[in-house]
Amino acid sequence: NKSEFIIYNNIIYYLLTKNKQVIRNILVLKVYSIVNGVNLAYVILITLKRITN
């Protein structure tokens, strides 16, 4: 029964580690998309300023 407990713990540990990696990747993608959106807004703003001047 102890071996079953160790296997069960290893599976839970593996799944938690996988979940952390997935969550970290999602957060990185969200931050990247926010930065990309800010950069695009800045480029549009500068372009409009140059057109109107």
N, C-alpha and C. Protein backbone atom coordinates (compact mmCIF):
# COMPACT_ATOMS: atom_id res chain seq x y z
N ASN A 1 0.82 -1.21 0.00
CA ASN A 1 0.00 0.00 0.00
C ASN A 1 0.86 1.26 0.00
N LYS A 2 2.05 1.15 0.58
CA LYS A 2 2.93 2.32 0.60
C LYS A 2 3.37 2.70 -0.81
N SER A 3 3.60 1.68 -1.65
CA SER A 3 4.00 1.97 -3.03
C SER A 3 2.86 2.64 -3.80
N GLU A 4 1.62 2.25 -3.53
CA GLU A 4 0.48 2.92 -4.17
C GLU A 4 0.41 4.38 -3.74
N PHE A 5 0.69 4.63 -2.47
CA PHE A 5 0.66 6.00 -1.96
C PHE A 5 1.74 6.85 -2.62
N ILE A 6 2.93 6.28 -2.80
CA ILE A 6 4.03 7.02 -3.44
C ILE A 6 3.69 7.32 -4.89
N ILE A 7 3.13 6.34 -5.60
CA ILE A 7 2.75 6.55 -7.00
C ILE A 7 1.68 7.63 -7.09
N TYR A 8 0.70 7.57 -6.20
CA TYR A 8 -0.38 8.57 -6.19
C TYR A 8 0.19 9.96 -5.92
N ASN A 9 1.11 10.08 -4.98
CA ASN A 9 1.74 11.37 -4.68
C ASN A 9 2.54 11.88 -5.87
N ASN A 10 3.24 10.99 -6.55
CA ASN A 10 4.03 11.40 -7.71
C ASN A 10 3.13 11.91 -8.83
N ILE A 11 2.00 11.26 -9.03
CA ILE A 11 1.06 11.72 -10.07
C ILE A 11 0.52 13.10 -9.72
N ILE A 12 0.14 13.30 -8.47
CA ILE A 12 -0.36 14.62 -8.04
C ILE A 12 0.72 15.68 -8.21
N TYR A 13 1.95 15.35 -7.81
CA TYR A 13 3.06 16.30 -7.94
C TYR A 13 3.28 16.65 -9.40
N TYR A 14 3.25 15.64 -10.27
CA TYR A 14 3.44 15.87 -11.70
C TYR A 14 2.35 16.79 -12.25
N LEU A 15 1.10 16.52 -11.88
CA LEU A 15 -0.01 17.34 -12.38
C LEU A 15 0.08 18.77 -11.88
N LEU A 16 0.47 18.95 -10.61
CA LEU A 16 0.62 20.31 -10.08
C LEU A 16 1.74 21.05 -10.79
N THR A 17 2.84 20.35 -11.06
CA THR A 17 3.96 20.97 -11.77
C THR A 17 3.53 21.36 -13.18
N LYS A 18 2.80 20.48 -13.85
CA LYS A 18 2.31 20.79 -15.20
C LYS A 18 1.38 22.01 -15.16
N ASN A 19 0.48 22.06 -14.18
CA ASN A 19 -0.44 23.19 -14.06
C ASN A 19 0.32 24.49 -13.85
N LYS A 20 1.37 24.47 -13.03
CA LYS A 20 2.17 25.68 -12.81
C LYS A 20 2.80 26.14 -14.11
N GLN A 21 3.29 25.20 -14.91
CA GLN A 21 3.91 25.57 -16.19
C GLN A 21 2.88 26.17 -17.13
N VAL A 22 1.70 25.59 -17.17
CA VAL A 22 0.65 26.09 -18.06
C VAL A 22 0.21 27.49 -17.62
N ILE A 23 0.01 27.67 -16.31
CA ILE A 23 -0.40 28.98 -15.79
C ILE A 23 0.68 30.02 -16.06
N ARG A 24 1.95 29.65 -15.87
CA ARG A 24 3.05 30.58 -16.14
C ARG A 24 3.07 30.98 -17.61
N ASN A 25 2.87 30.01 -18.51
CA ASN A 25 2.85 30.31 -19.94
C ASN A 25 1.68 31.22 -20.31
N ILE A 26 0.53 31.00 -19.70
CA ILE A 26 -0.63 31.85 -19.98
C ILE A 26 -0.36 33.28 -19.51
N LEU A 27 0.23 33.43 -18.32
CA LEU A 27 0.54 34.77 -17.81
C LEU A 27 1.55 35.48 -18.70
N VAL A 28 2.57 34.75 -19.15
CA VAL A 28 3.57 35.35 -20.04
C VAL A 28 2.91 35.82 -21.34
N LEU A 29 2.02 35.00 -21.89
CA LEU A 29 1.34 35.40 -23.13
C LEU A 29 0.45 36.62 -22.91
N LYS A 30 -0.21 36.69 -21.76
CA LYS A 30 -1.06 37.86 -21.48
C LYS A 30 -0.21 39.13 -21.35
N VAL A 31 0.90 39.03 -20.63
CA VAL A 31 1.79 40.19 -20.49
C VAL A 31 2.33 40.60 -21.85
N TYR A 32 2.73 39.63 -22.66
CA TYR A 32 3.24 39.93 -24.00
C TYR A 32 2.18 40.62 -24.84
N SER A 33 0.94 40.15 -24.78
CA SER A 33 -0.12 40.78 -25.58
C SER A 33 -0.42 42.19 -25.10
N ILE A 34 -0.34 42.42 -23.78
CA ILE A 34 -0.55 43.78 -23.26
C ILE A 34 0.54 44.71 -23.76
N VAL A 35 1.79 44.27 -23.66
CA VAL A 35 2.92 45.09 -24.13
C VAL A 35 2.79 45.35 -25.62
N ASN A 36 2.42 44.33 -26.37
CA ASN A 36 2.26 44.48 -27.81
C ASN A 36 1.15 45.48 -28.13
N GLY A 37 0.05 45.43 -27.38
CA GLY A 37 -1.05 46.37 -27.59
C GLY A 37 -0.65 47.80 -27.28
N VAL A 38 0.14 47.98 -26.21
CA VAL A 38 0.62 49.32 -25.85
C VAL A 38 1.54 49.84 -26.94
N ASN A 39 2.43 48.99 -27.45
CA ASN A 39 3.32 49.41 -28.52
C ASN A 39 2.54 49.83 -29.76
N LEU A 40 1.52 49.07 -30.11
CA LEU A 40 0.71 49.39 -31.28
C LEU A 40 -0.02 50.71 -31.08
N ALA A 41 -0.57 50.92 -29.89
CA ALA A 41 -1.25 52.18 -29.60
C ALA A 41 -0.29 53.36 -29.70
N TYR A 42 0.94 53.17 -29.22
CA TYR A 42 1.95 54.23 -29.28
C TYR A 42 2.31 54.55 -30.73
N VAL A 43 2.47 53.53 -31.54
CA VAL A 43 2.80 53.74 -32.96
C VAL A 43 1.66 54.48 -33.66
N ILE A 44 0.43 54.10 -33.38
CA ILE A 44 -0.72 54.78 -33.99
C ILE A 44 -0.77 56.24 -33.54
N LEU A 45 -0.53 56.49 -32.26
CA LEU A 45 -0.54 57.85 -31.74
C LEU A 45 0.53 58.71 -32.41
N ILE A 46 1.74 58.20 -32.51
CA ILE A 46 2.83 58.95 -33.15
C ILE A 46 2.51 59.20 -34.62
N THR A 47 1.96 58.19 -35.30
CA THR A 47 1.62 58.35 -36.71
C THR A 47 0.56 59.43 -36.89
N LEU A 48 -0.47 59.42 -36.05
CA LEU A 48 -1.51 60.45 -36.15
C LEU A 48 -0.96 61.84 -35.86
N LYS A 49 -0.05 61.95 -34.90
CA LYS A 49 0.56 63.26 -34.61
C LYS A 49 1.35 63.77 -35.80
N ARG A 50 2.09 62.88 -36.46
CA ARG A 50 2.88 63.31 -37.62
C ARG A 50 1.98 63.69 -38.80
N ILE A 51 0.87 62.99 -38.95
CA ILE A 51 -0.05 63.30 -40.05
C ILE A 51 -0.70 64.66 -39.82
N THR A 52 -1.10 64.94 -38.57
CA THR A 52 -1.81 66.18 -38.30
C THR A 52 -0.89 67.39 -38.22
N ASN A 53 0.41 67.18 -38.06
CA ASN A 53 1.33 68.34 -37.99
C ASN A 53 1.81 68.78 -39.33
